Amino acid sequence: MNLYLWIKALHVISIIAWMAGLLYLPRLFVYHCGASVGSETSETFKVMERRLLRAIMTPAMILAWITGLTLAVQGGFFTAGWLHLKLLLVLIMSGAHGYMSRCVRTFAADANQKSHKFYRVLNEVPTVLMLGVVVAVIVKPF
């Protein structure tokens, strides 16, 4: 069996899981904004947000990084311009993940000051970054 292909498959699977979380978590924030502090709904959102982040998103992000860097080393891609662009975009995506993690902690402390409109805009950031990554990897413009 070709180990490279298994690593690539695991990379794609981890990216799908990570992106699902990056797209869903801000949507939870949008709805959480409308819940009264201390309400059963608010407490349910806290559990959902924490579990999504800890059980799915963060492990998927770590696995995506490990498998992606392994593929880049095995494929000798570090001199390719498209990989530099992809790495930049994935670094920014990781920063967005970190920011969303901070938002989870803010909601958990009942200290959110942002509006649902802010989180609607935040919801679009991973999509834009994902489009850039896909173009960089598939089209390889550099």
N, C-alpha and C. Protein backbone atom coordinates (compact mmCIF):
# COMPACT_ATOMS: atom_id res chain seq x y z
N MET A 1 0.84 -1.19 0.00
CA MET A 1 0.00 0.00 0.00
C MET A 1 0.88 1.25 0.00
N ASN A 2 0.38 2.28 -0.64
CA ASN A 2 1.12 3.53 -0.75
C ASN A 2 0.81 4.41 0.46
N LEU A 3 1.77 4.55 1.37
CA LEU A 3 1.58 5.33 2.59
C LEU A 3 1.25 6.79 2.28
N TYR A 4 1.86 7.34 1.24
CA TYR A 4 1.60 8.73 0.86
C TYR A 4 0.11 8.95 0.59
N LEU A 5 -0.53 8.03 -0.10
CA LEU A 5 -1.95 8.17 -0.41
C LEU A 5 -2.82 8.06 0.85
N TRP A 6 -2.43 7.22 1.79
CA TRP A 6 -3.16 7.11 3.06
C TRP A 6 -3.03 8.40 3.86
N ILE A 7 -1.85 8.98 3.86
CA ILE A 7 -1.65 10.26 4.56
C ILE A 7 -2.46 11.35 3.88
N LYS A 8 -2.48 11.34 2.56
CA LYS A 8 -3.26 12.32 1.82
C LYS A 8 -4.75 12.18 2.13
N ALA A 9 -5.25 10.95 2.17
CA ALA A 9 -6.66 10.72 2.51
C ALA A 9 -6.97 11.23 3.91
N LEU A 10 -6.10 10.95 4.86
CA LEU A 10 -6.28 11.43 6.23
C LEU A 10 -6.24 12.95 6.28
N HIS A 11 -5.40 13.55 5.46
CA HIS A 11 -5.31 15.02 5.38
C HIS A 11 -6.64 15.60 4.90
N VAL A 12 -7.19 15.04 3.85
CA VAL A 12 -8.46 15.54 3.31
C VAL A 12 -9.59 15.34 4.32
N ILE A 13 -9.62 14.20 4.98
CA ILE A 13 -10.66 13.94 5.99
C ILE A 13 -10.55 14.94 7.13
N SER A 14 -9.34 15.20 7.59
CA SER A 14 -9.17 16.15 8.70
C SER A 14 -9.54 17.57 8.28
N ILE A 15 -9.24 17.92 7.05
CA ILE A 15 -9.62 19.25 6.55
C ILE A 15 -11.14 19.39 6.50
N ILE A 16 -11.82 18.36 6.04
CA ILE A 16 -13.29 18.41 5.99
C ILE A 16 -13.86 18.61 7.38
N ALA A 17 -13.36 17.87 8.36
CA ALA A 17 -13.86 18.01 9.73
C ALA A 17 -13.55 19.40 10.29
N TRP A 18 -12.34 19.89 10.05
CA TRP A 18 -11.94 21.20 10.55
C TRP A 18 -12.80 22.30 9.92
N MET A 19 -12.97 22.23 8.60
CA MET A 19 -13.76 23.25 7.91
C MET A 19 -15.22 23.21 8.36
N ALA A 20 -15.75 22.02 8.57
CA ALA A 20 -17.14 21.93 9.06
C ALA A 20 -17.28 22.69 10.36
N GLY A 21 -16.32 22.51 11.26
CA GLY A 21 -16.35 23.23 12.53
C GLY A 21 -16.17 24.72 12.37
N LEU A 22 -15.23 25.11 11.51
CA LEU A 22 -14.98 26.55 11.28
C LEU A 22 -16.20 27.24 10.68
N LEU A 23 -16.98 26.51 9.93
CA LEU A 23 -18.18 27.08 9.32
C LEU A 23 -19.38 27.04 10.27
N TYR A 24 -19.42 26.05 11.16
CA TYR A 24 -20.58 25.88 12.04
C TYR A 24 -20.47 26.68 13.34
N LEU A 25 -19.26 26.79 13.90
CA LEU A 25 -19.11 27.45 15.19
C LEU A 25 -19.57 28.91 15.17
N PRO A 26 -19.20 29.71 14.17
CA PRO A 26 -19.71 31.09 14.16
C PRO A 26 -21.23 31.15 14.02
N ARG A 27 -21.82 30.16 13.36
CA ARG A 27 -23.28 30.10 13.25
C ARG A 27 -23.89 29.86 14.62
N LEU A 28 -23.25 29.01 15.42
CA LEU A 28 -23.71 28.82 16.80
C LEU A 28 -23.62 30.13 17.58
N PHE A 29 -22.55 30.90 17.35
CA PHE A 29 -22.40 32.19 18.03
C PHE A 29 -23.54 33.13 17.66
N VAL A 30 -23.93 33.13 16.38
CA VAL A 30 -25.04 33.98 15.92
C VAL A 30 -26.28 33.68 16.75
N TYR A 31 -26.61 32.41 16.90
CA TYR A 31 -27.80 32.03 17.65
C TYR A 31 -27.61 32.24 19.16
N HIS A 32 -26.39 32.03 19.64
CA HIS A 32 -26.11 32.20 21.06
C HIS A 32 -26.32 33.66 21.48
N CYS A 33 -26.03 34.59 20.58
CA CYS A 33 -26.23 36.02 20.87
C CYS A 33 -27.68 36.31 21.25
N GLY A 34 -28.60 35.56 20.69
CA GLY A 34 -30.02 35.80 20.94
C GLY A 34 -30.55 35.12 22.19
N ALA A 35 -29.73 34.32 22.84
CA ALA A 35 -30.17 33.61 24.05
C ALA A 35 -29.87 34.46 25.28
N SER A 36 -30.78 34.46 26.21
CA SER A 36 -30.60 35.21 27.45
C SER A 36 -29.52 34.55 28.30
N VAL A 37 -28.67 35.38 28.92
CA VAL A 37 -27.62 34.87 29.80
C VAL A 37 -28.24 34.05 30.92
N GLY A 38 -27.67 32.87 31.13
CA GLY A 38 -28.15 32.00 32.19
C GLY A 38 -29.32 31.11 31.81
N SER A 39 -29.88 31.33 30.63
CA SER A 39 -31.02 30.52 30.20
C SER A 39 -30.56 29.11 29.84
N GLU A 40 -31.51 28.21 29.77
CA GLU A 40 -31.20 26.83 29.38
C GLU A 40 -30.64 26.80 27.96
N THR A 41 -31.17 27.65 27.10
CA THR A 41 -30.68 27.73 25.71
C THR A 41 -29.23 28.17 25.68
N SER A 42 -28.90 29.20 26.43
CA SER A 42 -27.53 29.69 26.49
C SER A 42 -26.58 28.61 27.00
N GLU A 43 -26.99 27.91 28.03
CA GLU A 43 -26.14 26.85 28.59
C GLU A 43 -25.96 25.71 27.59
N THR A 44 -27.00 25.41 26.82
CA THR A 44 -26.89 24.39 25.78
C THR A 44 -25.91 24.81 24.70
N PHE A 45 -25.97 26.07 24.29
CA PHE A 45 -25.01 26.57 23.30
C PHE A 45 -23.58 26.47 23.82
N LYS A 46 -23.38 26.77 25.08
CA LYS A 46 -22.04 26.68 25.67
C LYS A 46 -21.48 25.26 25.53
N VAL A 47 -22.32 24.28 25.83
CA VAL A 47 -21.89 22.88 25.74
C VAL A 47 -21.58 22.54 24.28
N MET A 48 -22.47 22.92 23.37
CA MET A 48 -22.27 22.62 21.95
C MET A 48 -20.99 23.25 21.42
N GLU A 49 -20.76 24.51 21.76
CA GLU A 49 -19.58 25.22 21.29
C GLU A 49 -18.30 24.58 21.82
N ARG A 50 -18.29 24.28 23.12
CA ARG A 50 -17.11 23.68 23.73
C ARG A 50 -16.81 22.31 23.13
N ARG A 51 -17.83 21.50 22.98
CA ARG A 51 -17.61 20.15 22.43
C ARG A 51 -17.16 20.19 20.98
N LEU A 52 -17.76 21.06 20.19
CA LEU A 52 -17.36 21.19 18.79
C LEU A 52 -15.90 21.59 18.70
N LEU A 53 -15.50 22.56 19.50
CA LEU A 53 -14.13 23.04 19.48
C LEU A 53 -13.15 21.97 19.95
N ARG A 54 -13.43 21.38 21.09
CA ARG A 54 -12.46 20.45 21.71
C ARG A 54 -12.46 19.06 21.10
N ALA A 55 -13.62 18.57 20.72
CA ALA A 55 -13.70 17.18 20.25
C ALA A 55 -13.52 17.03 18.75
N ILE A 56 -13.82 18.08 18.00
CA ILE A 56 -13.75 17.96 16.54
C ILE A 56 -12.74 18.93 15.94
N MET A 57 -12.94 20.22 16.17
CA MET A 57 -12.15 21.22 15.46
C MET A 57 -10.65 21.18 15.78
N THR A 58 -10.31 21.22 17.06
CA THR A 58 -8.90 21.27 17.41
C THR A 58 -8.15 20.00 17.03
N PRO A 59 -8.69 18.81 17.32
CA PRO A 59 -7.99 17.61 16.84
C PRO A 59 -7.86 17.57 15.31
N ALA A 60 -8.90 17.99 14.61
CA ALA A 60 -8.86 18.00 13.14
C ALA A 60 -7.81 18.98 12.63
N MET A 61 -7.73 20.16 13.26
CA MET A 61 -6.72 21.13 12.85
C MET A 61 -5.31 20.57 13.05
N ILE A 62 -5.07 19.98 14.21
CA ILE A 62 -3.75 19.41 14.50
C ILE A 62 -3.41 18.32 13.49
N LEU A 63 -4.36 17.45 13.22
CA LEU A 63 -4.13 16.37 12.26
C LEU A 63 -3.91 16.91 10.85
N ALA A 64 -4.65 17.96 10.48
CA ALA A 64 -4.46 18.58 9.16
C ALA A 64 -3.04 19.14 9.03
N TRP A 65 -2.56 19.79 10.07
CA TRP A 65 -1.20 20.34 10.05
C TRP A 65 -0.16 19.22 9.96
N ILE A 66 -0.30 18.20 10.78
CA ILE A 66 0.68 17.10 10.79
C ILE A 66 0.71 16.39 9.44
N THR A 67 -0.45 16.04 8.94
CA THR A 67 -0.48 15.31 7.66
C THR A 67 -0.07 16.21 6.50
N GLY A 68 -0.47 17.47 6.55
CA GLY A 68 -0.10 18.40 5.48
C GLY A 68 1.40 18.63 5.40
N LEU A 69 2.01 18.84 6.54
CA LEU A 69 3.47 19.03 6.56
C LEU A 69 4.19 17.75 6.15
N THR A 70 3.65 16.61 6.54
CA THR A 70 4.24 15.32 6.14
C THR A 70 4.18 15.16 4.62
N LEU A 71 3.04 15.50 4.04
CA LEU A 71 2.91 15.42 2.58
C LEU A 71 3.86 16.37 1.89
N ALA A 72 4.01 17.58 2.43
CA ALA A 72 4.90 18.57 1.82
C ALA A 72 6.35 18.10 1.87
N VAL A 73 6.75 17.49 2.98
CA VAL A 73 8.11 16.96 3.09
C VAL A 73 8.30 15.79 2.13
N GLN A 74 7.37 14.84 2.16
CA GLN A 74 7.50 13.66 1.30
C GLN A 74 7.44 14.01 -0.18
N GLY A 75 6.65 15.04 -0.52
CA GLY A 75 6.52 15.44 -1.92
C GLY A 75 7.57 16.44 -2.37
N GLY A 76 8.35 16.96 -1.44
CA GLY A 76 9.38 17.95 -1.78
C GLY A 76 8.78 19.25 -2.31
N PHE A 77 7.68 19.69 -1.70
CA PHE A 77 6.95 20.85 -2.20
C PHE A 77 7.36 22.19 -1.59
N PHE A 78 8.32 22.20 -0.68
CA PHE A 78 8.62 23.45 0.04
C PHE A 78 9.20 24.55 -0.84
N THR A 79 9.61 24.24 -2.04
CA THR A 79 10.09 25.28 -2.95
C THR A 79 9.00 25.80 -3.88
N ALA A 80 7.83 25.18 -3.81
CA ALA A 80 6.72 25.56 -4.70
C ALA A 80 5.98 26.79 -4.15
N GLY A 81 5.77 27.76 -5.02
CA GLY A 81 5.07 28.99 -4.63
C GLY A 81 3.65 28.74 -4.16
N TRP A 82 2.96 27.78 -4.79
CA TRP A 82 1.59 27.50 -4.38
C TRP A 82 1.53 27.03 -2.94
N LEU A 83 2.55 26.26 -2.49
CA LEU A 83 2.56 25.80 -1.11
C LEU A 83 2.77 26.97 -0.15
N HIS A 84 3.60 27.92 -0.54
CA HIS A 84 3.81 29.10 0.30
C HIS A 84 2.49 29.85 0.51
N LEU A 85 1.73 30.01 -0.58
CA LEU A 85 0.43 30.67 -0.48
C LEU A 85 -0.51 29.85 0.41
N LYS A 86 -0.54 28.54 0.19
CA LYS A 86 -1.41 27.67 1.00
C LYS A 86 -1.04 27.78 2.47
N LEU A 87 0.24 27.72 2.78
CA LEU A 87 0.67 27.80 4.17
C LEU A 87 0.28 29.13 4.81
N LEU A 88 0.41 30.21 4.05
CA LEU A 88 0.00 31.52 4.56
C LEU A 88 -1.50 31.52 4.89
N LEU A 89 -2.30 31.03 3.96
CA LEU A 89 -3.75 30.99 4.17
C LEU A 89 -4.14 30.08 5.32
N VAL A 90 -3.45 28.95 5.46
CA VAL A 90 -3.75 28.02 6.55
C VAL A 90 -3.29 28.61 7.89
N LEU A 91 -2.22 29.37 7.88
CA LEU A 91 -1.82 30.08 9.10
C LEU A 91 -2.90 31.08 9.53
N ILE A 92 -3.44 31.81 8.56
CA ILE A 92 -4.51 32.76 8.86
C ILE A 92 -5.75 32.00 9.35
N MET A 93 -6.04 30.85 8.72
CA MET A 93 -7.18 30.03 9.14
C MET A 93 -6.97 29.53 10.57
N SER A 94 -5.74 29.16 10.89
CA SER A 94 -5.43 28.73 12.26
C SER A 94 -5.62 29.88 13.24
N GLY A 95 -5.29 31.09 12.79
CA GLY A 95 -5.54 32.28 13.62
C GLY A 95 -7.03 32.49 13.84
N ALA A 96 -7.83 32.27 12.81
CA ALA A 96 -9.29 32.37 12.94
C ALA A 96 -9.79 31.32 13.92
N HIS A 97 -9.22 30.13 13.86
CA HIS A 97 -9.57 29.06 14.80
C HIS A 97 -9.26 29.53 16.23
N GLY A 98 -8.09 30.11 16.41
CA GLY A 98 -7.72 30.61 17.74
C GLY A 98 -8.66 31.70 18.22
N TYR A 99 -9.05 32.59 17.31
CA TYR A 99 -9.99 33.64 17.69
C TYR A 99 -11.34 33.05 18.09
N MET A 100 -11.80 32.06 17.33
CA MET A 100 -13.08 31.41 17.67
C MET A 100 -12.98 30.69 19.01
N SER A 101 -11.82 30.15 19.31
CA SER A 101 -11.60 29.51 20.60
C SER A 101 -11.74 30.54 21.72
N ARG A 102 -11.22 31.72 21.50
CA ARG A 102 -11.37 32.80 22.48
C ARG A 102 -12.84 33.19 22.62
N CYS A 103 -13.56 33.20 21.52
CA CYS A 103 -15.00 33.51 21.56
C CYS A 103 -15.75 32.48 22.39
N VAL A 104 -15.38 31.20 22.26
CA VAL A 104 -16.03 30.15 23.05
C VAL A 104 -15.82 30.45 24.54
N ARG A 105 -14.61 30.84 24.91
CA ARG A 105 -14.34 31.15 26.31
C ARG A 105 -15.11 32.39 26.76
N THR A 106 -15.26 33.37 25.86
CA THR A 106 -16.01 34.59 26.19
C THR A 106 -17.48 34.27 26.42
N PHE A 107 -18.07 33.47 25.55
CA PHE A 107 -19.46 33.06 25.73
C PHE A 107 -19.61 32.23 27.01
N ALA A 108 -18.65 31.35 27.28
CA ALA A 108 -18.72 30.50 28.48
C ALA A 108 -18.73 31.34 29.75
N ALA A 109 -18.07 32.49 29.69
CA ALA A 109 -18.01 33.40 30.85
C ALA A 109 -19.17 34.40 30.84
N ASP A 110 -20.10 34.24 29.91
CA ASP A 110 -21.22 35.19 29.75
C ASP A 110 -20.73 36.62 29.58
N ALA A 111 -19.64 36.77 28.82
CA ALA A 111 -19.04 38.09 28.64
C ALA A 111 -19.03 38.56 27.19
N ASN A 112 -19.85 37.95 26.33
CA ASN A 112 -19.87 38.35 24.93
C ASN A 112 -20.38 39.78 24.78
N GLN A 113 -19.67 40.58 23.99
CA GLN A 113 -20.07 41.96 23.72
C GLN A 113 -20.35 42.19 22.23
N LYS A 114 -20.15 41.17 21.42
CA LYS A 114 -20.32 41.29 19.97
C LYS A 114 -21.76 40.97 19.57
N SER A 115 -22.16 41.54 18.43
CA SER A 115 -23.52 41.32 17.93
C SER A 115 -23.58 40.10 17.01
N HIS A 116 -24.79 39.68 16.74
CA HIS A 116 -24.98 38.56 15.81
C HIS A 116 -24.46 38.93 14.43
N LYS A 117 -24.51 40.21 14.08
CA LYS A 117 -24.00 40.64 12.76
C LYS A 117 -22.49 40.41 12.66
N PHE A 118 -21.77 40.68 13.74
CA PHE A 118 -20.33 40.43 13.76
C PHE A 118 -20.04 38.96 13.47
N TYR A 119 -20.78 38.07 14.12
CA TYR A 119 -20.54 36.64 13.94
C TYR A 119 -20.99 36.16 12.56
N ARG A 120 -21.95 36.84 11.95
CA ARG A 120 -22.34 36.51 10.57
C ARG A 120 -21.19 36.81 9.62
N VAL A 121 -20.50 37.91 9.86
CA VAL A 121 -19.33 38.26 9.03
C VAL A 121 -18.19 37.28 9.31
N LEU A 122 -17.96 36.99 10.59
CA LEU A 122 -16.91 36.03 10.97
C LEU A 122 -17.14 34.69 10.29
N ASN A 123 -18.38 34.32 10.09
CA ASN A 123 -18.74 33.07 9.45
C ASN A 123 -18.22 32.97 8.02
N GLU A 124 -17.98 34.11 7.39
CA GLU A 124 -17.53 34.11 6.00
C GLU A 124 -16.01 33.99 5.86
N VAL A 125 -15.28 34.28 6.90
CA VAL A 125 -13.81 34.25 6.84
C VAL A 125 -13.27 32.88 6.44
N PRO A 126 -13.69 31.79 7.09
CA PRO A 126 -13.17 30.48 6.68
C PRO A 126 -13.50 30.13 5.23
N THR A 127 -14.65 30.57 4.76
CA THR A 127 -15.04 30.28 3.37
C THR A 127 -14.07 30.94 2.39
N VAL A 128 -13.78 32.20 2.61
CA VAL A 128 -12.85 32.93 1.73
C VAL A 128 -11.47 32.29 1.77
N LEU A 129 -11.01 31.95 2.97
CA LEU A 129 -9.69 31.31 3.09
C LEU A 129 -9.68 29.95 2.41
N MET A 130 -10.74 29.18 2.58
CA MET A 130 -10.84 27.86 1.95
C MET A 130 -10.77 27.99 0.42
N LEU A 131 -11.47 28.96 -0.13
CA LEU A 131 -11.43 29.16 -1.58
C LEU A 131 -10.00 29.42 -2.05
N GLY A 132 -9.28 30.25 -1.31
CA GLY A 132 -7.89 30.53 -1.64
C GLY A 132 -7.02 29.29 -1.57
N VAL A 133 -7.21 28.48 -0.55
CA VAL A 133 -6.42 27.25 -0.40
C VAL A 133 -6.71 26.29 -1.54
N VAL A 134 -7.97 26.10 -1.88
CA VAL A 134 -8.32 25.18 -2.96
C VAL A 134 -7.72 25.64 -4.28
N VAL A 135 -7.81 26.92 -4.57
CA VAL A 135 -7.22 27.44 -5.81
C VAL A 135 -5.71 27.25 -5.80
N ALA A 136 -5.07 27.54 -4.68
CA ALA A 136 -3.61 27.39 -4.59
C ALA A 136 -3.19 25.94 -4.85
N VAL A 137 -3.92 24.99 -4.28
CA VAL A 137 -3.55 23.57 -4.39
C VAL A 137 -3.91 22.98 -5.75
N ILE A 138 -5.08 23.33 -6.27
CA ILE A 138 -5.55 22.72 -7.52
C ILE A 138 -4.98 23.43 -8.75
N VAL A 139 -5.07 24.76 -8.77
CA VAL A 139 -4.63 25.53 -9.93
C VAL A 139 -3.11 25.72 -9.93
N LYS A 140 -2.53 25.81 -8.74
CA LYS A 140 -1.09 26.05 -8.57
C LYS A 140 -0.64 27.27 -9.40
N PRO A 141 -1.16 28.46 -9.05
CA PRO A 141 -0.85 29.64 -9.85
C PRO A 141 0.61 30.10 -9.79
N PHE A 142 1.36 29.57 -8.85
CA PHE A 142 2.78 29.95 -8.74
C PHE A 142 3.64 28.71 -8.79
